Amino acid sequence: MMQYINKLVAKLKKQEKGQGMVEYALIIAFVAAIAIFVLNGKLGTVIGGAFDKASSAVEEAANAATDTSAKGTTQNAT
């Protein structure tokens, strides 16, 4: 009985070599399917709009900081 179990375990160990590649392929296919769904759906537009708003907010903050520092240098000069 132990010999049979040992042979079965050895057989299972040999079969696991290709298992990792199959798992990676399934993960990649799943991620690709989600990416296609997101890019073709409305979610892509919503995410793009959020990035646009964030970009605008950063630009406005940078402009405000530049204007404030420019006013500060002119005030110090007078």
PDB file of N, CA and C in Angstrom:
ATOM      1  N   MET A   1       0.818  -1.198   0.000  1.00  0.00           N
ATOM      2  CA  MET A   1       0.000   0.000   0.000  1.00  0.00           C
ATOM      3  C   MET A   1       0.861   1.261   0.000  1.00  0.00           C
ATOM      4  N   MET A   2       1.928   1.272   0.785  1.00  0.00           N
ATOM      5  CA  MET A   2       2.821   2.435   0.834  1.00  0.00           C
ATOM      6  C   MET A   2       3.502   2.657  -0.510  1.00  0.00           C
ATOM      7  N   GLN A   3       3.828   1.584  -1.205  1.00  0.00           N
ATOM      8  CA  GLN A   3       4.459   1.729  -2.521  1.00  0.00           C
ATOM      9  C   GLN A   3       3.512   2.417  -3.497  1.00  0.00           C
ATOM     10  N   TYR A   4       2.247   2.040  -3.421  1.00  0.00           N
ATOM     11  CA  TYR A   4       1.251   2.659  -4.293  1.00  0.00           C
ATOM     12  C   TYR A   4       1.130   4.153  -3.997  1.00  0.00           C
ATOM     13  N   ILE A   5       1.107   4.516  -2.719  1.00  0.00           N
ATOM     14  CA  ILE A   5       1.007   5.933  -2.337  1.00  0.00           C
ATOM     15  C   ILE A   5       2.246   6.685  -2.780  1.00  0.00           C
ATOM     16  N   ASN A   6       3.409   6.105  -2.612  1.00  0.00           N
ATOM     17  CA  ASN A   6       4.659   6.753  -3.037  1.00  0.00           C
ATOM     18  C   ASN A   6       4.674   6.962  -4.549  1.00  0.00           C
ATOM     19  N   LYS A   7       4.210   5.954  -5.309  1.00  0.00           N
ATOM     20  CA  LYS A   7       4.157   6.098  -6.763  1.00  0.00           C
ATOM     21  C   LYS A   7       3.167   7.209  -7.160  1.00  0.00           C
ATOM     22  N   LEU A   8       2.042   7.257  -6.456  1.00  0.00           N
ATOM     23  CA  LEU A   8       1.046   8.280  -6.749  1.00  0.00           C
ATOM     24  C   LEU A   8       1.587   9.677  -6.462  1.00  0.00           C
ATOM     25  N   VAL A   9       2.287   9.828  -5.340  1.00  0.00           N
ATOM     26  CA  VAL A   9       2.878  11.123  -4.987  1.00  0.00           C
ATOM     27  C   VAL A   9       3.939  11.512  -6.007  1.00  0.00           C
ATOM     28  N   ALA A  10       4.766  10.553  -6.414  1.00  0.00           N
ATOM     29  CA  ALA A  10       5.802  10.836  -7.414  1.00  0.00           C
ATOM     30  C   ALA A  10       5.172  11.251  -8.742  1.00  0.00           C
ATOM     31  N   LYS A  11       4.075  10.605  -9.109  1.00  0.00           N
ATOM     32  CA  LYS A  11       3.394  10.942 -10.352  1.00  0.00           C
ATOM     33  C   LYS A  11       2.805  12.361 -10.289  1.00  0.00           C
ATOM     34  N   LEU A  12       2.240  12.705  -9.136  1.00  0.00           N
ATOM     35  CA  LEU A  12       1.681  14.044  -8.985  1.00  0.00           C
ATOM     36  C   LEU A  12       2.764  15.115  -9.027  1.00  0.00           C
ATOM     37  N   LYS A  13       3.916  14.821  -8.446  1.00  0.00           N
ATOM     38  CA  LYS A  13       5.021  15.792  -8.465  1.00  0.00           C
ATOM     39  C   LYS A  13       5.503  16.037  -9.886  1.00  0.00           C
ATOM     40  N   LYS A  14       5.532  15.003 -10.707  1.00  0.00           N
ATOM     41  CA  LYS A  14       5.966  15.162 -12.092  1.00  0.00           C
ATOM     42  C   LYS A  14       4.982  16.020 -12.879  1.00  0.00           C
ATOM     43  N   GLN A  15       3.701  15.914 -12.562  1.00  0.00           N
ATOM     44  CA  GLN A  15       2.683  16.641 -13.308  1.00  0.00           C
ATOM     45  C   GLN A  15       2.608  18.111 -12.930  1.00  0.00           C
ATOM     46  N   GLU A  16       3.216  18.527 -11.853  1.00  0.00           N
ATOM     47  CA  GLU A  16       3.123  19.910 -11.403  1.00  0.00           C
ATOM     48  C   GLU A  16       4.046  20.850 -12.172  1.00  0.00           C
ATOM     49  N   LYS A  17       4.940  20.328 -12.974  1.00  0.00           N
ATOM     50  CA  LYS A  17       5.887  21.195 -13.688  1.00  0.00           C
ATOM     51  C   LYS A  17       5.169  22.143 -14.638  1.00  0.00           C
ATOM     52  N   GLY A  18       4.206  21.665 -15.387  1.00  0.00           N
ATOM     53  CA  GLY A  18       3.480  22.504 -16.327  1.00  0.00           C
ATOM     54  C   GLY A  18       2.340  23.274 -15.692  1.00  0.00           C
ATOM     55  N   GLN A  19       2.024  22.932 -14.470  1.00  0.00           N
ATOM     56  CA  GLN A  19       0.897  23.563 -13.797  1.00  0.00           C
ATOM     57  C   GLN A  19       1.141  25.059 -13.584  1.00  0.00           C
ATOM     58  N   GLY A  20       2.355  25.434 -13.245  1.00  0.00           N
ATOM     59  CA  GLY A  20       2.671  26.847 -13.013  1.00  0.00           C
ATOM     60  C   GLY A  20       2.448  27.686 -14.253  1.00  0.00           C
ATOM     61  N   MET A  21       2.833  27.161 -15.407  1.00  0.00           N
ATOM     62  CA  MET A  21       2.640  27.899 -16.659  1.00  0.00           C
ATOM     63  C   MET A  21       1.158  28.081 -16.963  1.00  0.00           C
ATOM     64  N   VAL A  22       0.373  27.065 -16.708  1.00  0.00           N
ATOM     65  CA  VAL A  22      -1.064  27.162 -16.957  1.00  0.00           C
ATOM     66  C   VAL A  22      -1.677  28.206 -16.026  1.00  0.00           C
ATOM     67  N   GLU A  23      -1.259  28.211 -14.771  1.00  0.00           N
ATOM     68  CA  GLU A  23      -1.781  29.195 -13.830  1.00  0.00           C
ATOM     69  C   GLU A  23      -1.417  30.611 -14.264  1.00  0.00           C
ATOM     70  N   TYR A  24      -0.174  30.825 -14.689  1.00  0.00           N
ATOM     71  CA  TYR A  24       0.235  32.154 -15.162  1.00  0.00           C
ATOM     72  C   TYR A  24      -0.565  32.563 -16.396  1.00  0.00           C
ATOM     73  N   ALA A  25      -0.787  31.626 -17.299  1.00  0.00           N
ATOM     74  CA  ALA A  25      -1.555  31.931 -18.503  1.00  0.00           C
ATOM     75  C   ALA A  25      -2.989  32.321 -18.151  1.00  0.00           C
ATOM     76  N   LEU A  26      -3.587  31.619 -17.194  1.00  0.00           N
ATOM     77  CA  LEU A  26      -4.945  31.953 -16.779  1.00  0.00           C
ATOM     78  C   LEU A  26      -5.009  33.327 -16.122  1.00  0.00           C
ATOM     79  N   ILE A  27      -4.021  33.649 -15.314  1.00  0.00           N
ATOM     80  CA  ILE A  27      -3.984  34.964 -14.662  1.00  0.00           C
ATOM     81  C   ILE A  27      -3.850  36.065 -15.710  1.00  0.00           C
ATOM     82  N   ILE A  28      -2.948  35.867 -16.674  1.00  0.00           N
ATOM     83  CA  ILE A  28      -2.749  36.862 -17.727  1.00  0.00           C
ATOM     84  C   ILE A  28      -4.024  37.033 -18.550  1.00  0.00           C
ATOM     85  N   ALA A  29      -4.690  35.922 -18.871  1.00  0.00           N
ATOM     86  CA  ALA A  29      -5.937  36.000 -19.638  1.00  0.00           C
ATOM     87  C   ALA A  29      -7.007  36.742 -18.844  1.00  0.00           C
ATOM     88  N   PHE A  30      -7.073  36.498 -17.551  1.00  0.00           N
ATOM     89  CA  PHE A  30      -8.060  37.167 -16.701  1.00  0.00           C
ATOM     90  C   PHE A  30      -7.793  38.663 -16.644  1.00  0.00           C
ATOM     91  N   VAL A  31      -6.550  39.048 -16.451  1.00  0.00           N
ATOM     92  CA  VAL A  31      -6.193  40.470 -16.396  1.00  0.00           C
ATOM     93  C   VAL A  31      -6.463  41.137 -17.746  1.00  0.00           C
ATOM     94  N   ALA A  32      -6.144  40.448 -18.827  1.00  0.00           N
ATOM     95  CA  ALA A  32      -6.400  41.013 -20.154  1.00  0.00           C
ATOM     96  C   ALA A  32      -7.895  41.196 -20.390  1.00  0.00           C
ATOM     97  N   ALA A  33      -8.699  40.233 -19.961  1.00  0.00           N
ATOM     98  CA  ALA A  33     -10.146  40.347 -20.134  1.00  0.00           C
ATOM     99  C   ALA A  33     -10.694  41.531 -19.345  1.00  0.00           C
ATOM    100  N   ILE A  34     -10.209  41.718 -18.145  1.00  0.00           N
ATOM    101  CA  ILE A  34     -10.654  42.861 -17.329  1.00  0.00           C
ATOM    102  C   ILE A  34     -10.227  44.174 -17.987  1.00  0.00           C
ATOM    103  N   ALA A  35      -8.988  44.223 -18.492  1.00  0.00           N
ATOM    104  CA  ALA A  35      -8.500  45.446 -19.138  1.00  0.00           C
ATOM    105  C   ALA A  35      -9.338  45.780 -20.368  1.00  0.00           C
ATOM    106  N   ILE A  36      -9.671  44.786 -21.162  1.00  0.00           N
ATOM    107  CA  ILE A  36     -10.489  45.018 -22.351  1.00  0.00           C
ATOM    108  C   ILE A  36     -11.875  45.507 -21.950  1.00  0.00           C
ATOM    109  N   PHE A  37     -12.440  44.886 -20.926  1.00  0.00           N
ATOM    110  CA  PHE A  37     -13.762  45.293 -20.450  1.00  0.00           C
ATOM    111  C   PHE A  37     -13.747  46.737 -19.964  1.00  0.00           C
ATOM    112  N   VAL A  38     -12.719  47.076 -19.206  1.00  0.00           N
ATOM    113  CA  VAL A  38     -12.635  48.432 -18.644  1.00  0.00           C
ATOM    114  C   VAL A  38     -12.419  49.458 -19.741  1.00  0.00           C
ATOM    115  N   LEU A  39     -11.535  49.165 -20.689  1.00  0.00           N
ATOM    116  CA  LEU A  39     -11.227  50.136 -21.735  1.00  0.00           C
ATOM    117  C   LEU A  39     -12.380  50.317 -22.720  1.00  0.00           C
ATOM    118  N   ASN A  40     -13.147  49.271 -22.956  1.00  0.00           N
ATOM    119  CA  ASN A  40     -14.268  49.385 -23.893  1.00  0.00           C
ATOM    120  C   ASN A  40     -15.542  49.880 -23.222  1.00  0.00           C
ATOM    121  N   GLY A  41     -15.599  49.785 -21.923  1.00  0.00           N
ATOM    122  CA  GLY A  41     -16.803  50.183 -21.203  1.00  0.00           C
ATOM    123  C   GLY A  41     -16.763  51.640 -20.791  1.00  0.00           C
ATOM    124  N   LYS A  42     -17.789  52.049 -20.082  1.00  0.00           N
ATOM    125  CA  LYS A  42     -17.880  53.427 -19.620  1.00  0.00           C
ATOM    126  C   LYS A  42     -16.930  53.693 -18.472  1.00  0.00           C
ATOM    127  N   LEU A  43     -16.480  52.640 -17.830  1.00  0.00           N
ATOM    128  CA  LEU A  43     -15.578  52.821 -16.696  1.00  0.00           C
ATOM    129  C   LEU A  43     -14.289  53.517 -17.133  1.00  0.00           C
ATOM    130  N   GLY A  44     -13.830  53.237 -18.344  1.00  0.00           N
ATOM    131  CA  GLY A  44     -12.635  53.898 -18.860  1.00  0.00           C
ATOM    132  C   GLY A  44     -12.822  55.400 -18.980  1.00  0.00           C
ATOM    133  N   THR A  45     -14.010  55.823 -19.388  1.00  0.00           N
ATOM    134  CA  THR A  45     -14.294  57.251 -19.501  1.00  0.00           C
ATOM    135  C   THR A  45     -14.340  57.908 -18.129  1.00  0.00           C
ATOM    136  N   VAL A  46     -14.926  57.210 -17.182  1.00  0.00           N
ATOM    137  CA  VAL A  46     -15.019  57.754 -15.826  1.00  0.00           C
ATOM    138  C   VAL A  46     -13.626  57.897 -15.216  1.00  0.00           C
ATOM    139  N   ILE A  47     -12.810  56.880 -15.393  1.00  0.00           N
ATOM    140  CA  ILE A  47     -11.446  56.933 -14.850  1.00  0.00           C
ATOM    141  C   ILE A  47     -10.647  58.035 -15.542  1.00  0.00           C
ATOM    142  N   GLY A  48     -10.806  58.160 -16.857  1.00  0.00           N
ATOM    143  CA  GLY A  48     -10.121  59.225 -17.590  1.00  0.00           C
ATOM    144  C   GLY A  48     -10.543  60.600 -17.105  1.00  0.00           C
ATOM    145  N   GLY A  49     -11.829  60.778 -16.832  1.00  0.00           N
ATOM    146  CA  GLY A  49     -12.323  62.049 -16.313  1.00  0.00           C
ATOM    147  C   GLY A  49     -11.748  62.359 -14.944  1.00  0.00           C
ATOM    148  N   ALA A  50     -11.623  61.327 -14.114  1.00  0.00           N
ATOM    149  CA  ALA A  50     -11.050  61.533 -12.780  1.00  0.00           C
ATOM    150  C   ALA A  50      -9.587  61.961 -12.881  1.00  0.00           C
ATOM    151  N   PHE A  51      -8.844  61.351 -13.788  1.00  0.00           N
ATOM    152  CA  PHE A  51      -7.447  61.746 -13.972  1.00  0.00           C
ATOM    153  C   PHE A  51      -7.343  63.171 -14.519  1.00  0.00           C
ATOM    154  N   ASP A  52      -8.255  63.528 -15.404  1.00  0.00           N
ATOM    155  CA  ASP A  52      -8.255  64.899 -15.934  1.00  0.00           C
ATOM    156  C   ASP A  52      -8.517  65.921 -14.831  1.00  0.00           C
ATOM    157  N   LYS A  53      -9.482  65.617 -13.954  1.00  0.00           N
ATOM    158  CA  LYS A  53      -9.782  66.527 -12.840  1.00  0.00           C
ATOM    159  C   LYS A  53      -8.593  66.648 -11.899  1.00  0.00           C
ATOM    160  N   ALA A  54      -7.946  65.517 -11.619  1.00  0.00           N
ATOM    161  CA  ALA A  54      -6.787  65.544 -10.726  1.00  0.00           C
ATOM    162  C   ALA A  54      -5.648  66.335 -11.355  1.00  0.00           C
ATOM    163  N   SER A  55      -5.444  66.164 -12.656  1.00  0.00           N
ATOM    164  CA  SER A  55      -4.398  66.900 -13.356  1.00  0.00           C
ATOM    165  C   SER A  55      -4.665  68.397 -13.320  1.00  0.00           C
ATOM    166  N   SER A  56      -5.914  68.775 -13.529  1.00  0.00           N
ATOM    167  CA  SER A  56      -6.275  70.193 -13.486  1.00  0.00           C
ATOM    168  C   SER A  56      -6.051  70.780 -12.099  1.00  0.00           C
ATOM    169  N   ALA A  57      -6.410  70.015 -11.075  1.00  0.00           N
ATOM    170  CA  ALA A  57      -6.225  70.487  -9.698  1.00  0.00           C
ATOM    171  C   ALA A  57      -4.748  70.688  -9.379  1.00  0.00           C
ATOM    172  N   VAL A  58      -3.907  69.775  -9.848  1.00  0.00           N
ATOM    173  CA  VAL A  58      -2.465  69.902  -9.612  1.00  0.00           C
ATOM    174  C   VAL A  58      -1.908  71.112 -10.352  1.00  0.00           C
ATOM    175  N   GLU A  59      -2.348  71.306 -11.591  1.00  0.00           N
ATOM    176  CA  GLU A  59      -1.882  72.464 -12.357  1.00  0.00           C
ATOM    177  C   GLU A  59      -2.311  73.775 -11.708  1.00  0.00           C
ATOM    178  N   GLU A  60      -3.557  73.833 -11.220  1.00  0.00           N
ATOM    179  CA  GLU A  60      -4.036  75.046 -10.554  1.00  0.00           C
ATOM    180  C   GLU A  60      -3.241  75.319  -9.283  1.00  0.00           C
ATOM    181  N   ALA A  61      -2.939  74.274  -8.525  1.00  0.00           N
ATOM    182  CA  ALA A  61      -2.156  74.440  -7.302  1.00  0.00           C
ATOM    183  C   ALA A  61      -0.750  74.919  -7.626  1.00  0.00           C
ATOM    184  N   ALA A  62      -0.162  74.376  -8.700  1.00  0.00           N
ATOM    185  CA  ALA A  62       1.180  74.793  -9.093  1.00  0.00           C
ATOM    186  C   ALA A  62       1.174  76.247  -9.548  1.00  0.00           C
ATOM    187  N   ASN A  63       0.156  76.631 -10.297  1.00  0.00           N
ATOM    188  CA  ASN A  63       0.056  78.022 -10.743  1.00  0.00           C
ATOM    189  C   ASN A  63      -0.152  78.968  -9.563  1.00  0.00           C
ATOM    190  N   ALA A  64      -0.972  78.550  -8.616  1.00  0.00           N
ATOM    191  CA  ALA A  64      -1.206  79.386  -7.435  1.00  0.00           C
ATOM    192  C   ALA A  64       0.073  79.532  -6.622  1.00  0.00           C
ATOM    193  N   ALA A  65       0.828  78.467  -6.506  1.00  0.00           N
ATOM    194  CA  ALA A  65       2.088  78.531  -5.762  1.00  0.00           C
ATOM    195  C   ALA A  65       3.087  79.429  -6.474  1.00  0.00           C
ATOM    196  N   THR A  66       3.118  79.357  -7.793  1.00  0.00           N
ATOM    197  CA  THR A  66       4.028  80.201  -8.565  1.00  0.00           C
ATOM    198  C   THR A  66       3.626  81.669  -8.438  1.00  0.00           C
ATOM    199  N   ASP A  67       2.321  81.950  -8.512  1.00  0.00           N
ATOM    200  CA  ASP A  67       1.845  83.329  -8.379  1.00  0.00           C
ATOM    201  C   ASP A  67       2.151  83.881  -6.991  1.00  0.00           C
ATOM    202  N   THR A  68       1.974  83.056  -5.974  1.00  0.00           N
ATOM    203  CA  THR A  68       2.235  83.496  -4.599  1.00  0.00           C
ATOM    204  C   THR A  68       3.710  83.772  -4.392  1.00  0.00           C
ATOM    205  N   SER A  69       4.564  82.908  -4.911  1.00  0.00           N
ATOM    206  CA  SER A  69       6.002  83.125  -4.733  1.00  0.00           C
ATOM    207  C   SER A  69       6.479  84.322  -5.543  1.00  0.00           C
ATOM    208  N   ALA A  70       5.881  84.568  -6.692  1.00  0.00           N
ATOM    209  CA  ALA A  70       6.252  85.732  -7.502  1.00  0.00           C
ATOM    210  C   ALA A  70       5.827  87.016  -6.803  1.00  0.00           C
ATOM    211  N   LYS A  71       4.666  87.030  -6.175  1.00  0.00           N
ATOM    212  CA  LYS A  71       4.205  88.210  -5.448  1.00  0.00           C
ATOM    213  C   LYS A  71       5.072  88.439  -4.226  1.00  0.00           C
ATOM    214  N   GLY A  72       5.510  87.374  -3.605  1.00  0.00           N
ATOM    215  CA  GLY A  72       6.353  87.499  -2.421  1.00  0.00           C
ATOM    216  C   GLY A  72       7.692  88.103  -2.747  1.00  0.00           C
ATOM    217  N   THR A  73       8.245  87.794  -3.911  1.00  0.00           N
ATOM    218  CA  THR A  73       9.547  88.366  -4.279  1.00  0.00           C
ATOM    219  C   THR A  73       9.409  89.840  -4.627  1.00  0.00           C
ATOM    220  N   THR A  74       8.287  90.234  -5.224  1.00  0.00           N
ATOM    221  CA  THR A  74       8.112  91.646  -5.553  1.00  0.00           C
ATOM    222  C   THR A  74       7.834  92.472  -4.303  1.00  0.00           C
ATOM    223  N   GLN A  75       7.163  91.869  -3.331  1.00  0.00           N
ATOM    224  CA  GLN A  75       6.894  92.583  -2.090  1.00  0.00           C
ATOM    225  C   GLN A  75       8.178  92.787  -1.308  1.00  0.00           C
ATOM    226  N   ASN A  76       9.045  91.795  -1.346  1.00  0.00           N
ATOM    227  CA  ASN A  76      10.311  91.923  -0.637  1.00  0.00           C
ATOM    228  C   ASN A  76      11.219  92.947  -1.306  1.00  0.00           C
ATOM    229  N   ALA A  77      11.085  93.115  -2.594  1.00  0.00           N
ATOM    230  CA  ALA A  77      11.930  94.046  -3.322  1.00  0.00           C
ATOM    231  C   ALA A  77      11.527  95.491  -3.063  1.00  0.00           C
ATOM    232  N   THR A  78      10.285  95.745  -2.708  1.00  0.00           N
ATOM    233  CA  THR A  78       9.830  97.116  -2.510  1.00  0.00           C
ATOM    234  C   THR A  78      10.068  97.614  -1.116  1.00  0.00           C
TER     235      THR A  78
END
